[in-house]
PDB file of all heavy atoms in Angstrom:
ATOM      1  N   ARG A   1       0.839  -1.203   0.000  1.00  0.00           N
ATOM      2  CA  ARG A   1       0.000   0.000   0.000  1.00  0.00           C
ATOM      3  C   ARG A   1       0.878   1.259   0.000  1.00  0.00           C
ATOM      4  O   ARG A   1       0.586   2.236  -0.693  1.00  0.00           O
ATOM      5  CB  ARG A   1      -0.916   0.025   1.238  1.00  0.00           C
ATOM      6  CG  ARG A   1      -1.741  -1.220   1.476  1.00  0.00           C
ATOM      7  CD  ARG A   1      -2.893  -1.397   0.514  1.00  0.00           C
ATOM      8  NE  ARG A   1      -2.515  -1.862  -0.809  1.00  0.00           N
ATOM      9  CZ  ARG A   1      -2.124  -3.121  -1.091  1.00  0.00           C
ATOM     10  NH1 ARG A   1      -2.030  -4.039  -0.143  1.00  0.00           N
ATOM     11  NH2 ARG A   1      -1.831  -3.461  -2.336  1.00  0.00           N
ATOM     12  N   VAL A   2       1.940   1.224   0.778  1.00  0.00           N
ATOM     13  CA  VAL A   2       2.840   2.380   0.845  1.00  0.00           C
ATOM     14  C   VAL A   2       3.562   2.580  -0.485  1.00  0.00           C
ATOM     15  O   VAL A   2       3.677   3.699  -0.988  1.00  0.00           O
ATOM     16  CB  VAL A   2       3.853   2.208   1.995  1.00  0.00           C
ATOM     17  CG1 VAL A   2       4.899   3.325   1.979  1.00  0.00           C
ATOM     18  CG2 VAL A   2       3.127   2.187   3.347  1.00  0.00           C
ATOM     19  N   MET A   3       4.020   1.480  -1.089  1.00  0.00           N
ATOM     20  CA  MET A   3       4.771   1.576  -2.337  1.00  0.00           C
ATOM     21  C   MET A   3       3.891   1.992  -3.511  1.00  0.00           C
ATOM     22  O   MET A   3       4.391   2.458  -4.538  1.00  0.00           O
ATOM     23  CB  MET A   3       5.469   0.248  -2.624  1.00  0.00           C
ATOM     24  CG  MET A   3       6.567  -0.079  -1.615  1.00  0.00           C
ATOM     25  SD  MET A   3       7.344  -1.696  -1.877  1.00  0.00           S
ATOM     26  CE  MET A   3       8.254  -1.378  -3.397  1.00  0.00           C
ATOM     27  N   ALA A   4       2.577   1.829  -3.364  1.00  0.00           N
ATOM     28  CA  ALA A   4       1.662   2.221  -4.436  1.00  0.00           C
ATOM     29  C   ALA A   4       1.342   3.710  -4.407  1.00  0.00           C
ATOM     30  O   ALA A   4       0.698   4.224  -5.331  1.00  0.00           O
ATOM     31  CB  ALA A   4       0.367   1.414  -4.331  1.00  0.00           C
ATOM     32  N   LEU A   5       1.798   4.403  -3.368  1.00  0.00           N
ATOM     33  CA  LEU A   5       1.488   5.826  -3.248  1.00  0.00           C
ATOM     34  C   LEU A   5       2.227   6.633  -4.292  1.00  0.00           C
ATOM     35  O   LEU A   5       3.402   6.385  -4.584  1.00  0.00           O
ATOM     36  CB  LEU A   5       1.871   6.331  -1.855  1.00  0.00           C
ATOM     37  CG  LEU A   5       1.113   5.740  -0.664  1.00  0.00           C
ATOM     38  CD1 LEU A   5       1.684   6.282   0.635  1.00  0.00           C
ATOM     39  CD2 LEU A   5      -0.372   6.030  -0.758  1.00  0.00           C
ATOM     40  N   GLY A   6       1.550   7.614  -4.852  1.00  0.00           N
ATOM     41  CA  GLY A   6       2.206   8.555  -5.735  1.00  0.00           C
ATOM     42  C   GLY A   6       3.035   9.543  -4.933  1.00  0.00           C
ATOM     43  O   GLY A   6       2.983   9.584  -3.701  1.00  0.00           O
ATOM     44  N   LYS A   7       3.774  10.366  -5.629  1.00  0.00           N
ATOM     45  CA  LYS A   7       4.681  11.306  -4.961  1.00  0.00           C
ATOM     46  C   LYS A   7       3.940  12.252  -4.038  1.00  0.00           C
ATOM     47  O   LYS A   7       4.440  12.651  -2.989  1.00  0.00           O
ATOM     48  CB  LYS A   7       5.476  12.084  -6.008  1.00  0.00           C
ATOM     49  CG  LYS A   7       6.557  12.983  -5.415  1.00  0.00           C
ATOM     50  CD  LYS A   7       7.396  13.618  -6.509  1.00  0.00           C
ATOM     51  CE  LYS A   7       8.508  14.469  -5.907  1.00  0.00           C
ATOM     52  NZ  LYS A   7       9.355  15.091  -6.957  1.00  0.00           N
ATOM     53  N   HIS A   8       2.713  12.632  -4.430  1.00  0.00           N
ATOM     54  CA  HIS A   8       1.972  13.615  -3.646  1.00  0.00           C
ATOM     55  C   HIS A   8       0.691  13.028  -3.026  1.00  0.00           C
ATOM     56  O   HIS A   8      -0.176  13.773  -2.578  1.00  0.00           O
ATOM     57  CB  HIS A   8       1.607  14.808  -4.530  1.00  0.00           C
ATOM     58  CG  HIS A   8       2.790  15.503  -5.117  1.00  0.00           C
ATOM     59  ND1 HIS A   8       3.681  16.231  -4.352  1.00  0.00           N
ATOM     60  CD2 HIS A   8       3.249  15.551  -6.405  1.00  0.00           C
ATOM     61  CE1 HIS A   8       4.621  16.713  -5.134  1.00  0.00           C
ATOM     62  NE2 HIS A   8       4.393  16.326  -6.382  1.00  0.00           N
ATOM     63  N   SER A   9       0.582  11.713  -3.019  1.00  0.00           N
ATOM     64  CA  SER A   9      -0.593  11.084  -2.426  1.00  0.00           C
ATOM     65  C   SER A   9      -0.298  10.619  -1.011  1.00  0.00           C
ATOM     66  O   SER A   9       0.855  10.436  -0.636  1.00  0.00           O
ATOM     67  CB  SER A   9      -1.069   9.903  -3.287  1.00  0.00           C
ATOM     68  OG  SER A   9      -0.050   8.916  -3.383  1.00  0.00           O
ATOM     69  N   ALA A  10      -1.344  10.463  -0.226  1.00  0.00           N
ATOM     70  CA  ALA A  10      -1.195  10.061   1.174  1.00  0.00           C
ATOM     71  C   ALA A  10      -1.836   8.702   1.398  1.00  0.00           C
ATOM     72  O   ALA A  10      -2.730   8.281   0.660  1.00  0.00           O
ATOM     73  CB  ALA A  10      -1.838  11.097   2.089  1.00  0.00           C
ATOM     74  N   LEU A  11      -1.384   8.037   2.424  1.00  0.00           N
ATOM     75  CA  LEU A  11      -1.921   6.737   2.800  1.00  0.00           C
ATOM     76  C   LEU A  11      -3.386   6.882   3.194  1.00  0.00           C
ATOM     77  O   LEU A  11      -3.774   7.814   3.893  1.00  0.00           O
ATOM     78  CB  LEU A  11      -1.119   6.188   3.976  1.00  0.00           C
ATOM     79  CG  LEU A  11      -1.323   4.735   4.383  1.00  0.00           C
ATOM     80  CD1 LEU A  11      -0.776   3.804   3.301  1.00  0.00           C
ATOM     81  CD2 LEU A  11      -0.622   4.464   5.714  1.00  0.00           C
ATOM     82  N   HIS A  12      -4.236   5.950   2.721  1.00  0.00           N
ATOM     83  CA  HIS A  12      -5.638   5.957   3.131  1.00  0.00           C
ATOM     84  C   HIS A  12      -5.764   5.370   4.528  1.00  0.00           C
ATOM     85  O   HIS A  12      -4.934   4.564   4.964  1.00  0.00           O
ATOM     86  CB  HIS A  12      -6.483   5.143   2.163  1.00  0.00           C
ATOM     87  CG  HIS A  12      -6.492   5.675   0.765  1.00  0.00           C
ATOM     88  ND1 HIS A  12      -6.739   6.997   0.466  1.00  0.00           N
ATOM     89  CD2 HIS A  12      -6.289   5.054  -0.429  1.00  0.00           C
ATOM     90  CE1 HIS A  12      -6.690   7.173  -0.836  1.00  0.00           C
ATOM     91  NE2 HIS A  12      -6.404   6.023  -1.406  1.00  0.00           N
ATOM     92  N   ILE A  13      -6.832   5.724   5.235  1.00  0.00           N
ATOM     93  CA  ILE A  13      -7.010   5.177   6.586  1.00  0.00           C
ATOM     94  C   ILE A  13      -7.491   3.737   6.541  1.00  0.00           C
ATOM     95  O   ILE A  13      -7.301   2.990   7.496  1.00  0.00           O
ATOM     96  CB  ILE A  13      -7.978   6.034   7.414  1.00  0.00           C
ATOM     97  CG1 ILE A  13      -9.416   5.881   6.917  1.00  0.00           C
ATOM     98  CG2 ILE A  13      -7.574   7.487   7.430  1.00  0.00           C
ATOM     99  CD1 ILE A  13     -10.448   6.402   7.877  1.00  0.00           C
ATOM    100  N   MET A  14      -8.133   3.342   5.434  1.00  0.00           N
ATOM    101  CA  MET A  14      -8.631   1.973   5.312  1.00  0.00           C
ATOM    102  C   MET A  14      -8.572   1.542   3.858  1.00  0.00           C
ATOM    103  O   MET A  14      -8.548   2.364   2.945  1.00  0.00           O
ATOM    104  CB  MET A  14     -10.073   1.867   5.825  1.00  0.00           C
ATOM    105  CG  MET A  14     -11.090   2.563   4.944  1.00  0.00           C
ATOM    106  SD  MET A  14     -12.802   2.378   5.509  1.00  0.00           S
ATOM    107  CE  MET A  14     -12.842   3.551   6.844  1.00  0.00           C
ATOM    108  N   TYR A  15      -8.559   0.223   3.675  1.00  0.00           N
ATOM    109  CA  TYR A  15      -8.534  -0.365   2.345  1.00  0.00           C
ATOM    110  C   TYR A  15      -9.459  -1.581   2.328  1.00  0.00           C
ATOM    111  O   TYR A  15      -9.763  -2.163   3.375  1.00  0.00           O
ATOM    112  CB  TYR A  15      -7.119  -0.825   1.974  1.00  0.00           C
ATOM    113  CG  TYR A  15      -6.138   0.306   1.772  1.00  0.00           C
ATOM    114  CD1 TYR A  15      -5.452   0.853   2.854  1.00  0.00           C
ATOM    115  CD2 TYR A  15      -5.890   0.828   0.501  1.00  0.00           C
ATOM    116  CE1 TYR A  15      -4.546   1.890   2.679  1.00  0.00           C
ATOM    117  CE2 TYR A  15      -4.986   1.859   0.312  1.00  0.00           C
ATOM    118  CZ  TYR A  15      -4.320   2.390   1.406  1.00  0.00           C
ATOM    119  OH  TYR A  15      -3.425   3.417   1.222  1.00  0.00           O
ATOM    120  N   ALA A  16      -9.864  -1.960   1.126  1.00  0.00           N
ATOM    121  CA  ALA A  16     -10.559  -3.236   0.980  1.00  0.00           C
ATOM    122  C   ALA A  16      -9.588  -4.348   1.357  1.00  0.00           C
ATOM    123  O   ALA A  16      -8.362  -4.174   1.360  1.00  0.00           O
ATOM    124  CB  ALA A  16     -11.035  -3.418  -0.459  1.00  0.00           C
ATOM    125  N   LEU A  17     -10.111  -5.506   1.671  1.00  0.00           N
ATOM    126  CA  LEU A  17      -9.266  -6.601   2.147  1.00  0.00           C
ATOM    127  C   LEU A  17      -8.241  -7.031   1.095  1.00  0.00           C
ATOM    128  O   LEU A  17      -7.149  -7.505   1.439  1.00  0.00           O
ATOM    129  CB  LEU A  17     -10.131  -7.791   2.559  1.00  0.00           C
ATOM    130  CG  LEU A  17     -11.109  -7.515   3.708  1.00  0.00           C
ATOM    131  CD1 LEU A  17     -11.942  -8.748   4.000  1.00  0.00           C
ATOM    132  CD2 LEU A  17     -10.365  -7.069   4.956  1.00  0.00           C
ATOM    133  N   ASP A  18      -8.574  -6.851  -0.183  1.00  0.00           N
ATOM    134  CA  ASP A  18      -7.622  -7.222  -1.231  1.00  0.00           C
ATOM    135  C   ASP A  18      -6.632  -6.110  -1.540  1.00  0.00           C
ATOM    136  O   ASP A  18      -5.823  -6.228  -2.468  1.00  0.00           O
ATOM    137  CB  ASP A  18      -8.357  -7.636  -2.512  1.00  0.00           C
ATOM    138  CG  ASP A  18      -9.173  -6.502  -3.127  1.00  0.00           C
ATOM    139  OD1 ASP A  18      -9.141  -5.361  -2.604  1.00  0.00           O
ATOM    140  OD2 ASP A  18      -9.847  -6.748  -4.146  1.00  0.00           O
ATOM    141  N   GLY A  19      -6.685  -5.019  -0.778  1.00  0.00           N
ATOM    142  CA  GLY A  19      -5.757  -3.915  -0.974  1.00  0.00           C
ATOM    143  C   GLY A  19      -6.294  -2.817  -1.863  1.00  0.00           C
ATOM    144  O   GLY A  19      -5.641  -1.774  -2.016  1.00  0.00           O
ATOM    145  N   GLY A  20      -7.462  -3.021  -2.462  1.00  0.00           N
ATOM    146  CA  GLY A  20      -8.064  -2.000  -3.299  1.00  0.00           C
ATOM    147  C   GLY A  20      -8.710  -0.900  -2.483  1.00  0.00           C
ATOM    148  O   GLY A  20      -8.624  -0.871  -1.249  1.00  0.00           O
ATOM    149  N   GLU A  21      -9.369  -0.001  -3.173  1.00  0.00           N
ATOM    150  CA  GLU A  21     -10.018   1.110  -2.499  1.00  0.00           C
ATOM    151  C   GLU A  21     -11.219   0.615  -1.702  1.00  0.00           C
ATOM    152  O   GLU A  21     -11.997  -0.215  -2.178  1.00  0.00           O
ATOM    153  CB  GLU A  21     -10.471   2.142  -3.545  1.00  0.00           C
ATOM    154  CG  GLU A  21     -10.976   3.448  -2.948  1.00  0.00           C
ATOM    155  CD  GLU A  21     -11.246   4.486  -4.019  1.00  0.00           C
ATOM    156  OE1 GLU A  21     -10.787   4.291  -5.159  1.00  0.00           O
ATOM    157  OE2 GLU A  21     -11.917   5.491  -3.702  1.00  0.00           O
ATOM    158  N   ALA A  22     -11.361   1.113  -0.480  1.00  0.00           N
ATOM    159  CA  ALA A  22     -12.508   0.741   0.349  1.00  0.00           C
ATOM    160  C   ALA A  22     -13.797   1.209  -0.316  1.00  0.00           C
ATOM    161  O   ALA A  22     -13.826   2.213  -1.027  1.00  0.00           O
ATOM    162  CB  ALA A  22     -12.370   1.350   1.743  1.00  0.00           C
ATOM    163  N   LYS A  23     -14.870   0.476  -0.063  1.00  0.00           N
ATOM    164  CA  LYS A  23     -16.136   0.756  -0.738  1.00  0.00           C
ATOM    165  C   LYS A  23     -16.787   2.042  -0.238  1.00  0.00           C
ATOM    166  O   LYS A  23     -16.696   2.387   0.946  1.00  0.00           O
ATOM    167  CB  LYS A  23     -17.101  -0.417  -0.526  1.00  0.00           C
ATOM    168  CG  LYS A  23     -16.629  -1.704  -1.165  1.00  0.00           C
ATOM    169  CD  LYS A  23     -17.574  -2.855  -0.863  1.00  0.00           C
ATOM    170  CE  LYS A  23     -17.065  -4.156  -1.468  1.00  0.00           C
ATOM    171  NZ  LYS A  23     -17.945  -5.302  -1.132  1.00  0.00           N
ATOM    172  N   GLN A  24     -17.456   2.725  -1.164  1.00  0.00           N
ATOM    173  CA  GLN A  24     -18.213   3.903  -0.789  1.00  0.00           C
ATOM    174  C   GLN A  24     -19.367   3.507   0.140  1.00  0.00           C
ATOM    175  O   GLN A  24     -19.881   2.398   0.069  1.00  0.00           O
ATOM    176  CB  GLN A  24     -18.785   4.581  -2.033  1.00  0.00           C
ATOM    177  CG  GLN A  24     -17.729   5.202  -2.941  1.00  0.00           C
ATOM    178  CD  GLN A  24     -18.353   5.929  -4.118  1.00  0.00           C
ATOM    179  OE1 GLN A  24     -19.560   5.859  -4.338  1.00  0.00           O
ATOM    180  NE2 GLN A  24     -17.526   6.635  -4.868  1.00  0.00           N
ATOM    181  N   GLU A  25     -19.755   4.432   0.981  1.00  0.00           N
ATOM    182  CA  GLU A  25     -20.841   4.156   1.919  1.00  0.00           C
ATOM    183  C   GLU A  25     -22.194   4.276   1.229  1.00  0.00           C
ATOM    184  O   GLU A  25     -22.446   5.207   0.470  1.00  0.00           O
ATOM    185  CB  GLU A  25     -20.767   5.122   3.094  1.00  0.00           C
ATOM    186  CG  GLU A  25     -21.768   4.835   4.202  1.00  0.00           C
ATOM    187  CD  GLU A  25     -21.535   5.696   5.416  1.00  0.00           C
ATOM    188  OE1 GLU A  25     -20.433   5.611   6.003  1.00  0.00           O
ATOM    189  OE2 GLU A  25     -22.459   6.464   5.763  1.00  0.00           O
ATOM    190  N   SER A  26     -23.058   3.316   1.487  1.00  0.00           N
ATOM    191  CA  SER A  26     -24.438   3.358   1.018  1.00  0.00           C
ATOM    192  C   SER A  26     -25.313   2.727   2.083  1.00  0.00           C
ATOM    193  O   SER A  26     -24.813   2.135   3.049  1.00  0.00           O
ATOM    194  CB  SER A  26     -24.590   2.627  -0.322  1.00  0.00           C
ATOM    195  OG  SER A  26     -24.231   1.257  -0.191  1.00  0.00           O
ATOM    196  N   THR A  27     -26.628   2.849   1.936  1.00  0.00           N
ATOM    197  CA  THR A  27     -27.531   2.298   2.940  1.00  0.00           C
ATOM    198  C   THR A  27     -28.425   1.227   2.333  1.00  0.00           C
ATOM    199  O   THR A  27     -28.777   1.282   1.151  1.00  0.00           O
ATOM    200  CB  THR A  27     -28.413   3.402   3.560  1.00  0.00           C
ATOM    201  OG1 THR A  27     -29.197   4.016   2.534  1.00  0.00           O
ATOM    202  CG2 THR A  27     -27.549   4.450   4.239  1.00  0.00           C
ATOM    203  N   LEU A  28     -28.760   0.246   3.146  1.00  0.00           N
ATOM    204  CA  LEU A  28     -29.659  -0.839   2.749  1.00  0.00           C
ATOM    205  C   LEU A  28     -31.022  -0.559   3.388  1.00  0.00           C
ATOM    206  O   LEU A  28     -31.353  -1.078   4.452  1.00  0.00           O
ATOM    207  CB  LEU A  28     -29.096  -2.188   3.198  1.00  0.00           C
ATOM    208  CG  LEU A  28     -27.696  -2.535   2.675  1.00  0.00           C
ATOM    209  CD1 LEU A  28     -27.229  -3.868   3.252  1.00  0.00           C
ATOM    210  CD2 LEU A  28     -27.658  -2.565   1.158  1.00  0.00           C
ATOM    211  N   ASP A  29     -31.785   0.280   2.736  1.00  0.00           N
ATOM    212  CA  ASP A  29     -33.028   0.758   3.336  1.00  0.00           C
ATOM    213  C   ASP A  29     -34.113  -0.311   3.419  1.00  0.00           C
ATOM    214  O   ASP A  29     -35.115  -0.130   4.131  1.00  0.00           O
ATOM    215  CB  ASP A  29     -33.550   1.963   2.550  1.00  0.00           C
ATOM    216  CG  ASP A  29     -32.581   3.140   2.600  1.00  0.00           C
ATOM    217  OD1 ASP A  29     -31.924   3.307   3.642  1.00  0.00           O
ATOM    218  OD2 ASP A  29     -32.471   3.867   1.597  1.00  0.00           O
ATOM    219  N   HIS A  30     -33.933  -1.418   2.687  1.00  0.00           N
ATOM    220  CA  HIS A  30     -34.935  -2.483   2.733  1.00  0.00           C
ATOM    221  C   HIS A  30     -34.795  -3.355   3.976  1.00  0.00           C
ATOM    222  O   HIS A  30     -35.695  -4.146   4.270  1.00  0.00           O
ATOM    223  CB  HIS A  30     -34.822  -3.353   1.479  1.00  0.00           C
ATOM    224  CG  HIS A  30     -33.495  -4.043   1.357  1.00  0.00           C
ATOM    225  ND1 HIS A  30     -32.338  -3.379   1.023  1.00  0.00           N
ATOM    226  CD2 HIS A  30     -33.141  -5.343   1.548  1.00  0.00           C
ATOM    227  CE1 HIS A  30     -31.326  -4.243   0.992  1.00  0.00           C
ATOM    228  NE2 HIS A  30     -31.785  -5.439   1.314  1.00  0.00           N
ATOM    229  N   LEU A  31     -33.673  -3.237   4.698  1.00  0.00           N
ATOM    230  CA  LEU A  31     -33.471  -4.021   5.913  1.00  0.00           C
ATOM    231  C   LEU A  31     -33.977  -3.248   7.129  1.00  0.00           C
ATOM    232  O   LEU A  31     -33.737  -2.041   7.262  1.00  0.00           O
ATOM    233  CB  LEU A  31     -31.992  -4.365   6.094  1.00  0.00           C
ATOM    234  CG  LEU A  31     -31.384  -5.333   5.069  1.00  0.00           C
ATOM    235  CD1 LEU A  31     -29.906  -5.542   5.366  1.00  0.00           C
ATOM    236  CD2 LEU A  31     -32.119  -6.668   5.057  1.00  0.00           C
ATOM    237  N   ALA A  32     -34.652  -3.955   8.027  1.00  0.00           N
ATOM    238  CA  ALA A  32     -35.216  -3.320   9.220  1.00  0.00           C
ATOM    239  C   ALA A  32     -34.143  -2.831  10.176  1.00  0.00           C
ATOM    240  O   ALA A  32     -34.353  -1.878  10.933  1.00  0.00           O
ATOM    241  CB  ALA A  32     -36.142  -4.301   9.947  1.00  0.00           C
ATOM    242  N   GLY A  33     -32.972  -3.470  10.146  1.00  0.00           N
ATOM    243  CA  GLY A  33     -31.894  -3.114  11.059  1.00  0.00           C
ATOM    244  C   GLY A  33     -31.987  -3.878  12.367  1.00  0.00           C
ATOM    245  O   GLY A  33     -33.070  -4.232  12.839  1.00  0.00           O
ATOM    246  N   TYR A  34     -30.825  -4.148  12.968  1.00  0.00           N
ATOM    247  CA  TYR A  34     -30.785  -4.823  14.263  1.00  0.00           C
ATOM    248  C   TYR A  34     -31.524  -3.965  15.293  1.00  0.00           C
ATOM    249  O   TYR A  34     -31.206  -2.789  15.471  1.00  0.00           O
ATOM    250  CB  TYR A  34     -29.334  -5.037  14.698  1.00  0.00           C
ATOM    251  CG  TYR A  34     -29.196  -5.637  16.074  1.00  0.00           C
ATOM    252  CD1 TYR A  34     -29.238  -7.007  16.243  1.00  0.00           C
ATOM    253  CD2 TYR A  34     -29.041  -4.824  17.190  1.00  0.00           C
ATOM    254  CE1 TYR A  34     -29.125  -7.572  17.515  1.00  0.00           C
ATOM    255  CE2 TYR A  34     -28.929  -5.371  18.455  1.00  0.00           C
ATOM    256  CZ  TYR A  34     -28.966  -6.747  18.612  1.00  0.00           C
ATOM    257  OH  TYR A  34     -28.852  -7.288  19.871  1.00  0.00           O
ATOM    258  N   ALA A  35     -32.521  -4.552  15.953  1.00  0.00           N
ATOM    259  CA  ALA A  35     -33.336  -3.828  16.943  1.00  0.00           C
ATOM    260  C   ALA A  35     -33.860  -2.525  16.363  1.00  0.00           C
ATOM    261  O   ALA A  35     -33.936  -1.502  17.046  1.00  0.00           O
ATOM    262  CB  ALA A  35     -32.531  -3.567  18.218  1.00  0.00           C
ATOM    263  N   HIS A  36     -34.210  -2.576  15.060  1.00  0.00           N
ATOM    264  CA  HIS A  36     -34.766  -1.421  14.341  1.00  0.00           C
ATOM    265  C   HIS A  36     -33.811  -0.231  14.338  1.00  0.00           C
ATOM    266  O   HIS A  36     -34.241   0.924  14.362  1.00  0.00           O
ATOM    267  CB  HIS A  36     -36.120  -1.030  14.929  1.00  0.00           C
ATOM    268  CG  HIS A  36     -37.125  -2.136  14.897  1.00  0.00           C
ATOM    269  ND1 HIS A  36     -37.726  -2.551  13.729  1.00  0.00           N
ATOM    270  CD2 HIS A  36     -37.605  -2.947  15.876  1.00  0.00           C
ATOM    271  CE1 HIS A  36     -38.551  -3.559  13.992  1.00  0.00           C
ATOM    272  NE2 HIS A  36     -38.490  -3.822  15.284  1.00  0.00           N
TER     273      HIS A  36
END
């Protein structure tokens, strides 16, 4: 991850498990949710 950084890029706080970019946040509105 460090070696993949460009000259002016910074380390991300998180990554996908395969080292790729972590997924964007979205919501699953069809699920009721734990304890609503």
